[in-house]
Amino acid sequence: MRLRTFVPLVLALCATTAAFAQPPASGYRFELTPTVSWRFGGELDGRDLAFVRADLEADDSAAYGLTLDIPLSRSLQLELLANRQRTDLGFDEGLFGPDLRFAKMDVSYYHVGVLFQGHSGRVSPFFVLSGGIGVLDPKLPGARSETRASVSLGGGVKVFFDDAEHIGLRFEGRGFWTDIGDDYGWDCGYHGHYRRCDYDDDFSQGQVSLGLIIAW
């Protein structure tokens, strides 16, 4: 699905959710949450970056971000998310082989989503679904950044320190999927004979996060 069609669908979904949600009652909170995350996974076909006939893997590394949750009802929030990871792309040479670093790359996500939450005193489990764009920016001569359609799915728990729910912690696990798009290659073959074929490409990552909730 291309970016120009995917992003309007996400925005339309969020607008529809907001239209049907009940107006927030007194006491509902906006939540601003800076986060620190550990992000893992992510693989690119080397042909997407250079003349490399091997997969390039993104190293596990830290990511930093910010979320803003806007109350729509007691159990529903509209969520805006932005985060970024600086990682290395390289070759995995196996258990006893060296790890070869090929290039630096920034991976950023900018999403709009819907968060569903329950309440049990100061503890609130939640589930979140979001969509938007993923920006892949390899630091290679001649390579340009790519902006593609992206979705995420996650869940976790919010734990507040006070009954007024002004300050708390947010623990979360989330997966991201970015559509790199269809491409063509000559790698599909058998018995030494090669034929032109299609292959699908995507970029998938997971992360665990800890955030400090500031609510008002």
N, C-alpha and C. Protein backbone atom coordinates (compact mmCIF):
# COMPACT_ATOMS: atom_id res chain seq x y z
N MET A 1 0.85 -1.19 0.00
CA MET A 1 0.00 0.00 0.00
C MET A 1 0.88 1.23 0.00
N ARG A 2 0.67 2.17 -0.89
CA ARG A 2 1.53 3.32 -1.03
C ARG A 2 1.21 4.38 0.02
N LEU A 3 2.21 5.22 0.29
CA LEU A 3 2.10 6.22 1.34
C LEU A 3 0.97 7.19 1.10
N ARG A 4 0.77 7.61 -0.16
CA ARG A 4 -0.25 8.63 -0.46
C ARG A 4 -1.67 8.13 -0.23
N THR A 5 -1.87 6.82 -0.20
CA THR A 5 -3.20 6.28 0.11
C THR A 5 -3.31 5.82 1.55
N PHE A 6 -2.20 5.38 2.14
CA PHE A 6 -2.25 4.82 3.48
C PHE A 6 -2.45 5.89 4.54
N VAL A 7 -1.67 6.98 4.48
CA VAL A 7 -1.75 8.01 5.51
C VAL A 7 -3.13 8.65 5.59
N PRO A 8 -3.79 9.02 4.46
CA PRO A 8 -5.15 9.55 4.59
C PRO A 8 -6.13 8.58 5.24
N LEU A 9 -5.95 7.27 5.02
CA LEU A 9 -6.83 6.29 5.65
C LEU A 9 -6.65 6.29 7.16
N VAL A 10 -5.39 6.40 7.61
CA VAL A 10 -5.12 6.45 9.05
C VAL A 10 -5.74 7.70 9.67
N LEU A 11 -5.57 8.84 9.02
CA LEU A 11 -6.14 10.08 9.54
C LEU A 11 -7.67 10.02 9.56
N ALA A 12 -8.25 9.41 8.55
CA ALA A 12 -9.71 9.27 8.52
C ALA A 12 -10.20 8.39 9.66
N LEU A 13 -9.47 7.30 9.94
CA LEU A 13 -9.84 6.41 11.04
C LEU A 13 -9.81 7.15 12.37
N CYS A 14 -8.75 7.94 12.59
CA CYS A 14 -8.63 8.68 13.85
C CYS A 14 -9.72 9.74 13.97
N ALA A 15 -10.06 10.40 12.85
CA ALA A 15 -11.11 11.40 12.87
C ALA A 15 -12.47 10.78 13.19
N THR A 16 -12.73 9.60 12.62
CA THR A 16 -13.98 8.89 12.88
C THR A 16 -14.08 8.48 14.35
N THR A 17 -12.95 7.98 14.89
CA THR A 17 -12.92 7.59 16.31
C THR A 17 -13.22 8.78 17.20
N ALA A 18 -12.62 9.92 16.88
CA ALA A 18 -12.84 11.12 17.68
C ALA A 18 -14.29 11.60 17.59
N ALA A 19 -14.89 11.45 16.42
CA ALA A 19 -16.26 11.91 16.23
C ALA A 19 -17.26 11.11 17.05
N PHE A 20 -17.02 9.79 17.18
CA PHE A 20 -17.96 8.92 17.89
C PHE A 20 -17.65 8.77 19.38
N ALA A 21 -16.47 9.20 19.80
CA ALA A 21 -16.12 9.09 21.22
C ALA A 21 -16.91 10.10 22.03
N GLN A 22 -17.17 9.76 23.29
CA GLN A 22 -17.87 10.66 24.17
C GLN A 22 -16.95 11.81 24.55
N PRO A 23 -17.48 13.02 24.73
CA PRO A 23 -16.65 14.12 25.16
C PRO A 23 -16.00 13.82 26.51
N PRO A 24 -14.73 14.19 26.72
CA PRO A 24 -14.07 13.91 27.98
C PRO A 24 -14.77 14.58 29.15
N ALA A 25 -14.91 13.84 30.21
CA ALA A 25 -15.50 14.40 31.41
C ALA A 25 -14.43 15.12 32.20
N SER A 26 -14.86 15.90 33.18
CA SER A 26 -13.91 16.61 34.03
C SER A 26 -13.00 15.61 34.74
N GLY A 27 -11.72 15.93 34.78
CA GLY A 27 -10.77 15.03 35.44
C GLY A 27 -9.99 14.18 34.48
N TYR A 28 -10.41 14.09 33.21
CA TYR A 28 -9.64 13.33 32.23
C TYR A 28 -8.36 14.10 31.92
N ARG A 29 -7.30 13.37 31.60
CA ARG A 29 -5.98 13.96 31.51
C ARG A 29 -5.38 13.87 30.11
N PHE A 30 -4.71 14.93 29.70
CA PHE A 30 -3.75 14.84 28.62
C PHE A 30 -2.48 14.23 29.21
N GLU A 31 -1.78 13.43 28.41
CA GLU A 31 -0.57 12.77 28.90
C GLU A 31 0.57 13.00 27.91
N LEU A 32 1.64 13.63 28.41
CA LEU A 32 2.86 13.81 27.63
C LEU A 32 3.92 12.87 28.21
N THR A 33 4.49 12.00 27.35
CA THR A 33 5.37 10.95 27.85
C THR A 33 6.67 10.88 27.05
N PRO A 34 7.76 11.42 27.57
CA PRO A 34 9.07 11.14 26.95
C PRO A 34 9.46 9.70 27.26
N THR A 35 10.04 9.02 26.27
CA THR A 35 10.35 7.60 26.42
C THR A 35 11.78 7.29 26.02
N VAL A 36 12.32 6.27 26.64
CA VAL A 36 13.57 5.67 26.22
C VAL A 36 13.28 4.19 25.95
N SER A 37 13.79 3.69 24.82
CA SER A 37 13.43 2.36 24.37
C SER A 37 14.67 1.57 23.97
N TRP A 38 14.52 0.26 23.96
CA TRP A 38 15.51 -0.62 23.36
C TRP A 38 14.85 -1.28 22.15
N ARG A 39 15.39 -0.97 20.96
CA ARG A 39 14.77 -1.44 19.72
C ARG A 39 15.63 -2.53 19.09
N PHE A 40 14.97 -3.55 18.59
CA PHE A 40 15.68 -4.70 18.04
C PHE A 40 15.04 -5.14 16.73
N GLY A 41 15.83 -5.84 15.92
CA GLY A 41 15.33 -6.34 14.65
C GLY A 41 15.49 -5.30 13.55
N GLY A 42 15.08 -5.70 12.36
CA GLY A 42 15.17 -4.83 11.19
C GLY A 42 16.19 -5.35 10.21
N GLU A 43 15.74 -5.67 9.02
CA GLU A 43 16.62 -6.24 7.99
C GLU A 43 16.27 -5.63 6.64
N LEU A 44 17.30 -5.27 5.88
CA LEU A 44 17.13 -4.71 4.55
C LEU A 44 17.87 -5.57 3.54
N ASP A 45 17.30 -5.67 2.35
CA ASP A 45 18.01 -6.30 1.25
C ASP A 45 19.13 -5.36 0.82
N GLY A 46 20.35 -5.86 0.73
CA GLY A 46 21.48 -5.02 0.38
C GLY A 46 21.33 -4.32 -0.95
N ARG A 47 20.51 -4.87 -1.85
CA ARG A 47 20.30 -4.24 -3.15
C ARG A 47 19.51 -2.95 -3.04
N ASP A 48 18.83 -2.74 -1.88
CA ASP A 48 18.11 -1.49 -1.70
C ASP A 48 19.06 -0.32 -1.44
N LEU A 49 20.29 -0.63 -1.01
CA LEU A 49 21.24 0.41 -0.64
C LEU A 49 22.43 0.49 -1.58
N ALA A 50 22.90 -0.65 -2.03
CA ALA A 50 24.12 -0.68 -2.85
C ALA A 50 24.16 -2.01 -3.58
N PHE A 51 25.24 -2.26 -4.29
CA PHE A 51 25.39 -3.51 -5.01
C PHE A 51 25.94 -4.57 -4.05
N VAL A 52 25.11 -4.95 -3.12
CA VAL A 52 25.48 -5.93 -2.10
C VAL A 52 24.51 -7.08 -2.19
N ARG A 53 25.00 -8.27 -2.43
CA ARG A 53 24.14 -9.44 -2.57
C ARG A 53 24.03 -10.17 -1.23
N ALA A 54 23.58 -9.43 -0.22
CA ALA A 54 23.43 -9.99 1.12
C ALA A 54 22.44 -9.13 1.89
N ASP A 55 21.84 -9.72 2.92
CA ASP A 55 20.96 -8.95 3.79
C ASP A 55 21.78 -8.12 4.76
N LEU A 56 21.31 -6.91 5.03
CA LEU A 56 21.94 -6.03 6.00
C LEU A 56 21.02 -5.94 7.21
N GLU A 57 21.57 -6.21 8.39
CA GLU A 57 20.78 -6.22 9.62
C GLU A 57 21.06 -4.97 10.43
N ALA A 58 20.00 -4.42 11.02
CA ALA A 58 20.14 -3.28 11.92
C ALA A 58 20.50 -3.78 13.31
N ASP A 59 21.50 -3.17 13.91
CA ASP A 59 21.90 -3.55 15.26
C ASP A 59 20.83 -3.14 16.27
N ASP A 60 20.72 -3.91 17.34
CA ASP A 60 19.88 -3.51 18.46
C ASP A 60 20.50 -2.28 19.12
N SER A 61 19.68 -1.30 19.43
CA SER A 61 20.21 -0.09 20.04
C SER A 61 19.08 0.71 20.69
N ALA A 62 19.45 1.79 21.38
CA ALA A 62 18.48 2.62 22.07
C ALA A 62 17.73 3.52 21.09
N ALA A 63 16.52 3.87 21.47
CA ALA A 63 15.71 4.82 20.72
C ALA A 63 15.07 5.79 21.72
N TYR A 64 14.81 6.99 21.27
CA TYR A 64 14.24 8.02 22.13
C TYR A 64 13.04 8.64 21.45
N GLY A 65 12.01 8.95 22.24
CA GLY A 65 10.81 9.47 21.62
C GLY A 65 9.90 10.23 22.56
N LEU A 66 8.74 10.58 22.02
CA LEU A 66 7.75 11.35 22.75
C LEU A 66 6.37 10.94 22.27
N THR A 67 5.45 10.76 23.20
CA THR A 67 4.05 10.51 22.85
C THR A 67 3.17 11.53 23.54
N LEU A 68 2.10 11.90 22.86
CA LEU A 68 1.08 12.78 23.42
C LEU A 68 -0.25 12.06 23.29
N ASP A 69 -0.91 11.83 24.42
CA ASP A 69 -2.20 11.15 24.44
C ASP A 69 -3.29 12.15 24.78
N ILE A 70 -4.29 12.21 23.91
CA ILE A 70 -5.40 13.17 24.04
C ILE A 70 -6.66 12.41 24.42
N PRO A 71 -7.30 12.75 25.55
CA PRO A 71 -8.46 11.97 26.00
C PRO A 71 -9.67 12.16 25.10
N LEU A 72 -10.28 11.03 24.73
CA LEU A 72 -11.53 11.04 23.98
C LEU A 72 -12.69 10.52 24.84
N SER A 73 -12.40 9.60 25.72
CA SER A 73 -13.35 9.10 26.70
C SER A 73 -12.52 8.51 27.84
N ARG A 74 -13.17 7.91 28.80
CA ARG A 74 -12.43 7.35 29.93
C ARG A 74 -11.50 6.23 29.50
N SER A 75 -11.86 5.49 28.49
CA SER A 75 -11.08 4.32 28.08
C SER A 75 -10.41 4.49 26.72
N LEU A 76 -10.52 5.67 26.09
CA LEU A 76 -10.02 5.85 24.73
C LEU A 76 -9.21 7.13 24.63
N GLN A 77 -8.04 7.03 24.01
CA GLN A 77 -7.18 8.19 23.79
C GLN A 77 -6.70 8.22 22.34
N LEU A 78 -6.56 9.42 21.80
CA LEU A 78 -5.90 9.62 20.52
C LEU A 78 -4.42 9.85 20.81
N GLU A 79 -3.54 9.08 20.16
CA GLU A 79 -2.12 9.14 20.48
C GLU A 79 -1.29 9.64 19.30
N LEU A 80 -0.41 10.60 19.56
CA LEU A 80 0.59 11.08 18.61
C LEU A 80 1.96 10.60 19.07
N LEU A 81 2.70 9.98 18.17
CA LEU A 81 3.99 9.37 18.53
C LEU A 81 5.08 9.82 17.58
N ALA A 82 6.25 10.13 18.14
CA ALA A 82 7.45 10.39 17.33
C ALA A 82 8.64 9.80 18.07
N ASN A 83 9.47 9.01 17.38
CA ASN A 83 10.70 8.51 18.00
C ASN A 83 11.76 8.23 16.96
N ARG A 84 13.00 8.11 17.44
CA ARG A 84 14.13 7.94 16.52
C ARG A 84 15.18 7.01 17.13
N GLN A 85 15.77 6.22 16.26
CA GLN A 85 16.85 5.30 16.63
C GLN A 85 18.05 5.55 15.72
N ARG A 86 19.25 5.58 16.28
CA ARG A 86 20.49 5.59 15.51
C ARG A 86 21.11 4.18 15.63
N THR A 87 21.29 3.53 14.49
CA THR A 87 21.77 2.15 14.51
C THR A 87 22.84 1.95 13.46
N ASP A 88 23.43 0.76 13.46
CA ASP A 88 24.41 0.36 12.46
C ASP A 88 23.82 -0.73 11.59
N LEU A 89 24.11 -0.68 10.30
CA LEU A 89 23.78 -1.75 9.38
C LEU A 89 25.02 -2.59 9.13
N GLY A 90 24.85 -3.91 9.14
CA GLY A 90 26.01 -4.75 8.93
C GLY A 90 25.64 -6.16 8.51
N PHE A 91 26.67 -6.97 8.37
CA PHE A 91 26.52 -8.37 7.98
C PHE A 91 26.67 -9.24 9.22
N ASP A 92 25.84 -10.25 9.31
CA ASP A 92 25.97 -11.25 10.36
C ASP A 92 26.69 -12.44 9.77
N GLU A 93 27.92 -12.67 10.22
CA GLU A 93 28.73 -13.76 9.66
C GLU A 93 28.60 -15.07 10.43
N GLY A 94 27.56 -15.18 11.25
CA GLY A 94 27.32 -16.43 11.95
C GLY A 94 27.84 -16.41 13.38
N LEU A 95 27.73 -17.56 14.04
CA LEU A 95 28.04 -17.66 15.46
C LEU A 95 29.48 -17.29 15.77
N PHE A 96 30.43 -17.77 14.97
CA PHE A 96 31.84 -17.55 15.26
C PHE A 96 32.49 -16.55 14.29
N GLY A 97 31.71 -16.01 13.39
CA GLY A 97 32.26 -15.05 12.44
C GLY A 97 32.19 -13.63 12.97
N PRO A 98 32.94 -12.72 12.36
CA PRO A 98 32.93 -11.32 12.80
C PRO A 98 31.66 -10.61 12.35
N ASP A 99 31.26 -9.59 13.10
CA ASP A 99 30.16 -8.73 12.70
C ASP A 99 30.74 -7.55 11.93
N LEU A 100 30.37 -7.42 10.67
CA LEU A 100 30.91 -6.39 9.81
C LEU A 100 29.93 -5.24 9.72
N ARG A 101 30.34 -4.03 10.12
CA ARG A 101 29.49 -2.86 10.07
C ARG A 101 29.63 -2.18 8.71
N PHE A 102 28.49 -1.89 8.09
CA PHE A 102 28.48 -1.35 6.74
C PHE A 102 28.20 0.15 6.72
N ALA A 103 27.25 0.61 7.55
CA ALA A 103 26.88 2.02 7.54
C ALA A 103 26.03 2.34 8.76
N LYS A 104 25.97 3.62 9.10
CA LYS A 104 25.03 4.12 10.10
C LYS A 104 23.67 4.33 9.43
N MET A 105 22.61 4.26 10.23
CA MET A 105 21.28 4.56 9.72
C MET A 105 20.39 5.07 10.84
N ASP A 106 19.61 6.12 10.55
CA ASP A 106 18.58 6.61 11.46
C ASP A 106 17.24 6.02 11.05
N VAL A 107 16.49 5.54 12.04
CA VAL A 107 15.15 5.00 11.81
C VAL A 107 14.18 5.80 12.67
N SER A 108 13.24 6.49 12.03
CA SER A 108 12.28 7.35 12.74
C SER A 108 10.86 6.94 12.40
N TYR A 109 9.99 7.03 13.39
CA TYR A 109 8.56 6.76 13.19
C TYR A 109 7.75 7.96 13.65
N TYR A 110 6.76 8.32 12.82
CA TYR A 110 5.81 9.39 13.16
C TYR A 110 4.41 8.82 12.92
N HIS A 111 3.70 8.57 14.02
CA HIS A 111 2.44 7.84 13.95
C HIS A 111 1.30 8.60 14.63
N VAL A 112 0.09 8.29 14.18
CA VAL A 112 -1.15 8.69 14.85
C VAL A 112 -1.90 7.40 15.14
N GLY A 113 -2.40 7.28 16.38
CA GLY A 113 -3.05 6.02 16.72
C GLY A 113 -4.16 6.17 17.74
N VAL A 114 -4.69 5.02 18.12
CA VAL A 114 -5.77 4.95 19.11
C VAL A 114 -5.32 4.04 20.24
N LEU A 115 -5.46 4.52 21.48
CA LEU A 115 -5.07 3.77 22.66
C LEU A 115 -6.31 3.44 23.48
N PHE A 116 -6.50 2.14 23.77
CA PHE A 116 -7.60 1.66 24.61
C PHE A 116 -7.02 1.28 25.97
N GLN A 117 -7.64 1.75 27.05
CA GLN A 117 -7.09 1.48 28.38
C GLN A 117 -8.19 1.12 29.37
N GLY A 118 -7.77 0.35 30.38
CA GLY A 118 -8.65 0.03 31.49
C GLY A 118 -8.14 0.71 32.75
N HIS A 119 -8.93 0.74 33.77
CA HIS A 119 -8.55 1.42 35.00
C HIS A 119 -8.74 0.49 36.19
N SER A 120 -7.75 0.46 37.05
CA SER A 120 -7.84 -0.27 38.30
C SER A 120 -7.00 0.47 39.34
N GLY A 121 -7.57 1.54 39.87
CA GLY A 121 -6.80 2.38 40.78
C GLY A 121 -5.73 3.13 40.02
N ARG A 122 -4.52 3.02 40.50
CA ARG A 122 -3.41 3.72 39.86
C ARG A 122 -2.81 2.93 38.71
N VAL A 123 -3.28 1.73 38.47
CA VAL A 123 -2.72 0.86 37.42
C VAL A 123 -3.70 0.79 36.25
N SER A 124 -3.19 1.04 35.05
CA SER A 124 -4.04 1.07 33.86
C SER A 124 -3.37 0.29 32.73
N PRO A 125 -3.79 -0.95 32.45
CA PRO A 125 -3.28 -1.66 31.28
C PRO A 125 -3.83 -1.03 30.00
N PHE A 126 -3.10 -1.15 28.90
CA PHE A 126 -3.56 -0.53 27.67
C PHE A 126 -3.13 -1.34 26.45
N PHE A 127 -3.80 -1.02 25.34
CA PHE A 127 -3.52 -1.61 24.04
C PHE A 127 -3.53 -0.47 23.03
N VAL A 128 -2.55 -0.44 22.10
CA VAL A 128 -2.44 0.69 21.18
C VAL A 128 -2.22 0.20 19.75
N LEU A 129 -2.88 0.88 18.81
CA LEU A 129 -2.72 0.62 17.38
C LEU A 129 -2.48 1.95 16.70
N SER A 130 -1.46 2.02 15.84
CA SER A 130 -1.14 3.30 15.21
C SER A 130 -0.64 3.09 13.78
N GLY A 131 -0.65 4.17 13.03
CA GLY A 131 -0.15 4.15 11.66
C GLY A 131 0.38 5.50 11.28
N GLY A 132 1.22 5.53 10.28
CA GLY A 132 1.80 6.79 9.83
C GLY A 132 2.94 6.53 8.87
N ILE A 133 4.10 7.09 9.17
CA ILE A 133 5.25 6.94 8.29
C ILE A 133 6.47 6.45 9.07
N GLY A 134 7.31 5.72 8.37
CA GLY A 134 8.63 5.36 8.85
C GLY A 134 9.66 5.98 7.92
N VAL A 135 10.69 6.59 8.49
CA VAL A 135 11.73 7.25 7.71
C VAL A 135 13.04 6.49 7.92
N LEU A 136 13.58 5.91 6.86
CA LEU A 136 14.84 5.19 6.88
C LEU A 136 15.89 6.07 6.22
N ASP A 137 16.92 6.42 6.98
CA ASP A 137 17.92 7.39 6.50
C ASP A 137 19.32 6.80 6.64
N PRO A 138 19.79 6.04 5.64
CA PRO A 138 21.14 5.47 5.70
C PRO A 138 22.20 6.53 5.43
N LYS A 139 23.29 6.47 6.18
CA LYS A 139 24.38 7.43 6.04
C LYS A 139 25.42 6.86 5.08
N LEU A 140 25.05 6.87 3.80
CA LEU A 140 25.90 6.33 2.75
C LEU A 140 26.03 7.35 1.63
N PRO A 141 27.21 7.46 1.01
CA PRO A 141 27.36 8.36 -0.14
C PRO A 141 26.39 7.97 -1.26
N GLY A 142 25.63 8.93 -1.72
CA GLY A 142 24.70 8.69 -2.80
C GLY A 142 23.36 8.11 -2.39
N ALA A 143 23.21 7.71 -1.14
CA ALA A 143 21.94 7.15 -0.66
C ALA A 143 21.06 8.26 -0.10
N ARG A 144 19.77 8.17 -0.34
CA ARG A 144 18.84 9.17 0.17
C ARG A 144 17.89 8.50 1.16
N SER A 145 17.31 9.31 2.02
CA SER A 145 16.34 8.78 2.97
C SER A 145 15.05 8.41 2.24
N GLU A 146 14.34 7.42 2.80
CA GLU A 146 13.07 6.97 2.24
C GLU A 146 11.98 7.11 3.29
N THR A 147 10.83 7.63 2.88
CA THR A 147 9.66 7.77 3.75
C THR A 147 8.58 6.82 3.24
N ARG A 148 8.19 5.87 4.08
CA ARG A 148 7.26 4.82 3.66
C ARG A 148 6.14 4.66 4.69
N ALA A 149 5.05 4.03 4.25
CA ALA A 149 3.93 3.73 5.13
C ALA A 149 4.34 2.77 6.22
N SER A 150 3.84 3.00 7.43
CA SER A 150 4.24 2.21 8.59
C SER A 150 3.06 2.02 9.53
N VAL A 151 3.02 0.89 10.22
CA VAL A 151 2.01 0.62 11.24
C VAL A 151 2.70 0.06 12.48
N SER A 152 2.01 0.14 13.61
CA SER A 152 2.55 -0.45 14.84
C SER A 152 1.42 -1.00 15.70
N LEU A 153 1.77 -1.94 16.54
CA LEU A 153 0.82 -2.59 17.44
C LEU A 153 1.55 -2.86 18.75
N GLY A 154 0.90 -2.52 19.86
CA GLY A 154 1.59 -2.72 21.14
C GLY A 154 0.64 -2.73 22.32
N GLY A 155 1.23 -2.87 23.48
CA GLY A 155 0.46 -2.88 24.72
C GLY A 155 1.38 -2.75 25.91
N GLY A 156 0.79 -2.51 27.06
CA GLY A 156 1.59 -2.35 28.26
C GLY A 156 0.74 -1.93 29.43
N VAL A 157 1.36 -1.20 30.35
CA VAL A 157 0.65 -0.77 31.56
C VAL A 157 1.18 0.60 31.99
N LYS A 158 0.25 1.42 32.50
CA LYS A 158 0.61 2.70 33.11
C LYS A 158 0.45 2.57 34.62
N VAL A 159 1.44 3.06 35.34
CA VAL A 159 1.41 3.00 36.81
C VAL A 159 1.62 4.42 37.33
N PHE A 160 0.60 4.97 38.02
CA PHE A 160 0.68 6.33 38.53
C PHE A 160 1.12 6.33 39.99
N PHE A 161 1.84 7.40 40.36
CA PHE A 161 2.38 7.50 41.71
C PHE A 161 1.39 8.09 42.71
N ASP A 162 0.39 8.83 42.21
CA ASP A 162 -0.55 9.50 43.10
C ASP A 162 -1.98 9.25 42.63
N ASP A 163 -2.91 9.44 43.54
CA ASP A 163 -4.31 9.20 43.22
C ASP A 163 -4.84 10.17 42.17
N ALA A 164 -4.25 11.36 42.09
CA ALA A 164 -4.69 12.34 41.10
C ALA A 164 -4.17 12.01 39.70
N GLU A 165 -3.28 11.03 39.58
CA GLU A 165 -2.76 10.55 38.30
C GLU A 165 -2.08 11.67 37.51
N HIS A 166 -1.20 12.40 38.17
CA HIS A 166 -0.44 13.45 37.50
C HIS A 166 0.92 12.96 37.00
N ILE A 167 1.54 12.05 37.74
CA ILE A 167 2.87 11.56 37.40
C ILE A 167 2.85 10.03 37.46
N GLY A 168 3.45 9.40 36.46
CA GLY A 168 3.49 7.94 36.47
C GLY A 168 4.53 7.40 35.51
N LEU A 169 4.58 6.09 35.42
CA LEU A 169 5.48 5.40 34.51
C LEU A 169 4.66 4.62 33.49
N ARG A 170 5.20 4.52 32.30
CA ARG A 170 4.56 3.77 31.22
C ARG A 170 5.52 2.68 30.74
N PHE A 171 5.09 1.43 30.89
CA PHE A 171 5.86 0.27 30.43
C PHE A 171 5.17 -0.28 29.18
N GLU A 172 5.94 -0.48 28.11
CA GLU A 172 5.31 -0.83 26.84
C GLU A 172 6.18 -1.74 26.00
N GLY A 173 5.52 -2.66 25.28
CA GLY A 173 6.15 -3.43 24.22
C GLY A 173 5.40 -3.15 22.93
N ARG A 174 6.15 -2.95 21.83
CA ARG A 174 5.50 -2.55 20.58
C ARG A 174 6.28 -3.10 19.39
N GLY A 175 5.54 -3.44 18.33
CA GLY A 175 6.16 -3.85 17.08
C GLY A 175 5.84 -2.85 15.98
N PHE A 176 6.83 -2.60 15.11
CA PHE A 176 6.68 -1.69 13.98
C PHE A 176 6.89 -2.46 12.68
N TRP A 177 6.09 -2.13 11.67
CA TRP A 177 6.25 -2.70 10.33
C TRP A 177 6.21 -1.59 9.31
N THR A 178 7.21 -1.53 8.44
CA THR A 178 7.30 -0.50 7.41
C THR A 178 7.35 -1.15 6.04
N ASP A 179 6.51 -0.68 5.14
CA ASP A 179 6.44 -1.23 3.78
C ASP A 179 7.54 -0.61 2.93
N ILE A 180 8.53 -1.42 2.55
CA ILE A 180 9.59 -0.95 1.67
C ILE A 180 9.12 -0.95 0.22
N GLY A 181 8.21 -1.87 -0.13
CA GLY A 181 7.65 -1.90 -1.47
C GLY A 181 8.11 -3.10 -2.26
N ASP A 182 7.43 -3.34 -3.38
CA ASP A 182 7.80 -4.42 -4.28
C ASP A 182 9.01 -4.02 -5.11
N ASP A 183 9.79 -5.03 -5.48
CA ASP A 183 10.96 -4.79 -6.31
C ASP A 183 11.14 -5.99 -7.23
N TYR A 184 12.16 -5.92 -8.06
CA TYR A 184 12.42 -6.98 -9.01
C TYR A 184 13.87 -7.42 -8.89
N GLY A 185 14.12 -8.66 -9.22
CA GLY A 185 15.50 -9.13 -9.17
C GLY A 185 15.69 -10.34 -10.06
N TRP A 186 16.93 -10.79 -10.15
CA TRP A 186 17.28 -11.95 -10.96
C TRP A 186 17.74 -13.11 -10.08
N ASP A 187 17.34 -13.09 -8.83
CA ASP A 187 17.89 -14.05 -7.88
C ASP A 187 17.06 -15.32 -7.76
N CYS A 188 15.88 -15.33 -8.31
CA CYS A 188 15.08 -16.55 -8.27
C CYS A 188 15.57 -17.48 -9.36
N GLY A 189 16.11 -18.61 -8.98
CA GLY A 189 16.67 -19.49 -10.00
C GLY A 189 16.75 -20.93 -9.52
N TYR A 190 17.09 -21.81 -10.44
CA TYR A 190 17.21 -23.22 -10.11
C TYR A 190 18.13 -23.87 -11.14
N HIS A 191 18.94 -24.78 -10.69
CA HIS A 191 19.85 -25.53 -11.55
C HIS A 191 20.71 -24.61 -12.43
N GLY A 192 21.11 -23.48 -11.88
CA GLY A 192 21.99 -22.58 -12.60
C GLY A 192 21.30 -21.68 -13.59
N HIS A 193 19.97 -21.77 -13.71
CA HIS A 193 19.23 -20.93 -14.64
C HIS A 193 18.43 -19.90 -13.83
N TYR A 194 18.58 -18.63 -14.19
CA TYR A 194 17.95 -17.55 -13.43
C TYR A 194 16.81 -16.95 -14.25
N ARG A 195 15.79 -16.53 -13.58
CA ARG A 195 14.65 -15.90 -14.22
C ARG A 195 14.26 -14.66 -13.43
N ARG A 196 13.66 -13.71 -14.10
CA ARG A 196 13.23 -12.48 -13.44
C ARG A 196 12.01 -12.76 -12.58
N CYS A 197 12.02 -12.30 -11.35
CA CYS A 197 10.90 -12.55 -10.45
C CYS A 197 10.71 -11.38 -9.51
N ASP A 198 9.53 -11.33 -8.89
CA ASP A 198 9.23 -10.29 -7.92
C ASP A 198 9.64 -10.75 -6.53
N TYR A 199 9.97 -9.79 -5.68
CA TYR A 199 10.11 -10.12 -4.27
C TYR A 199 9.57 -8.95 -3.46
N ASP A 200 8.92 -9.29 -2.35
CA ASP A 200 8.38 -8.29 -1.44
C ASP A 200 9.44 -7.96 -0.39
N ASP A 201 9.42 -6.70 0.04
CA ASP A 201 10.41 -6.25 1.00
C ASP A 201 9.70 -5.44 2.07
N ASP A 202 10.05 -5.66 3.31
CA ASP A 202 9.53 -4.85 4.40
C ASP A 202 10.58 -4.76 5.49
N PHE A 203 10.35 -3.88 6.44
CA PHE A 203 11.30 -3.62 7.52
C PHE A 203 10.52 -3.72 8.82
N SER A 204 10.82 -4.73 9.64
CA SER A 204 10.07 -4.99 10.87
C SER A 204 10.99 -4.88 12.07
N GLN A 205 10.49 -4.22 13.12
CA GLN A 205 11.26 -4.05 14.36
C GLN A 205 10.34 -4.22 15.57
N GLY A 206 10.95 -4.56 16.70
CA GLY A 206 10.25 -4.58 17.97
C GLY A 206 10.97 -3.67 18.95
N GLN A 207 10.27 -3.25 19.99
CA GLN A 207 10.93 -2.43 21.02
C GLN A 207 10.21 -2.59 22.35
N VAL A 208 10.98 -2.40 23.41
CA VAL A 208 10.43 -2.28 24.76
C VAL A 208 10.79 -0.89 25.26
N SER A 209 9.84 -0.26 25.98
CA SER A 209 10.00 1.15 26.33
C SER A 209 9.65 1.41 27.78
N LEU A 210 10.29 2.44 28.31
CA LEU A 210 9.96 2.99 29.61
C LEU A 210 9.75 4.49 29.44
N GLY A 211 8.62 5.00 29.91
CA GLY A 211 8.33 6.42 29.77
C GLY A 211 7.88 7.05 31.07
N LEU A 212 8.12 8.34 31.20
CA LEU A 212 7.67 9.11 32.35
C LEU A 212 6.43 9.90 31.94
N ILE A 213 5.28 9.60 32.53
CA ILE A 213 4.02 10.23 32.18
C ILE A 213 3.87 11.53 32.97
N ILE A 214 3.59 12.63 32.25
CA ILE A 214 3.26 13.91 32.86
C ILE A 214 1.84 14.24 32.41
N ALA A 215 0.90 14.21 33.34
CA ALA A 215 -0.52 14.34 33.00
C ALA A 215 -1.09 15.64 33.59
N TRP A 216 -2.04 16.22 32.84
CA TRP A 216 -2.70 17.42 33.33
C TRP A 216 -4.11 17.53 32.77
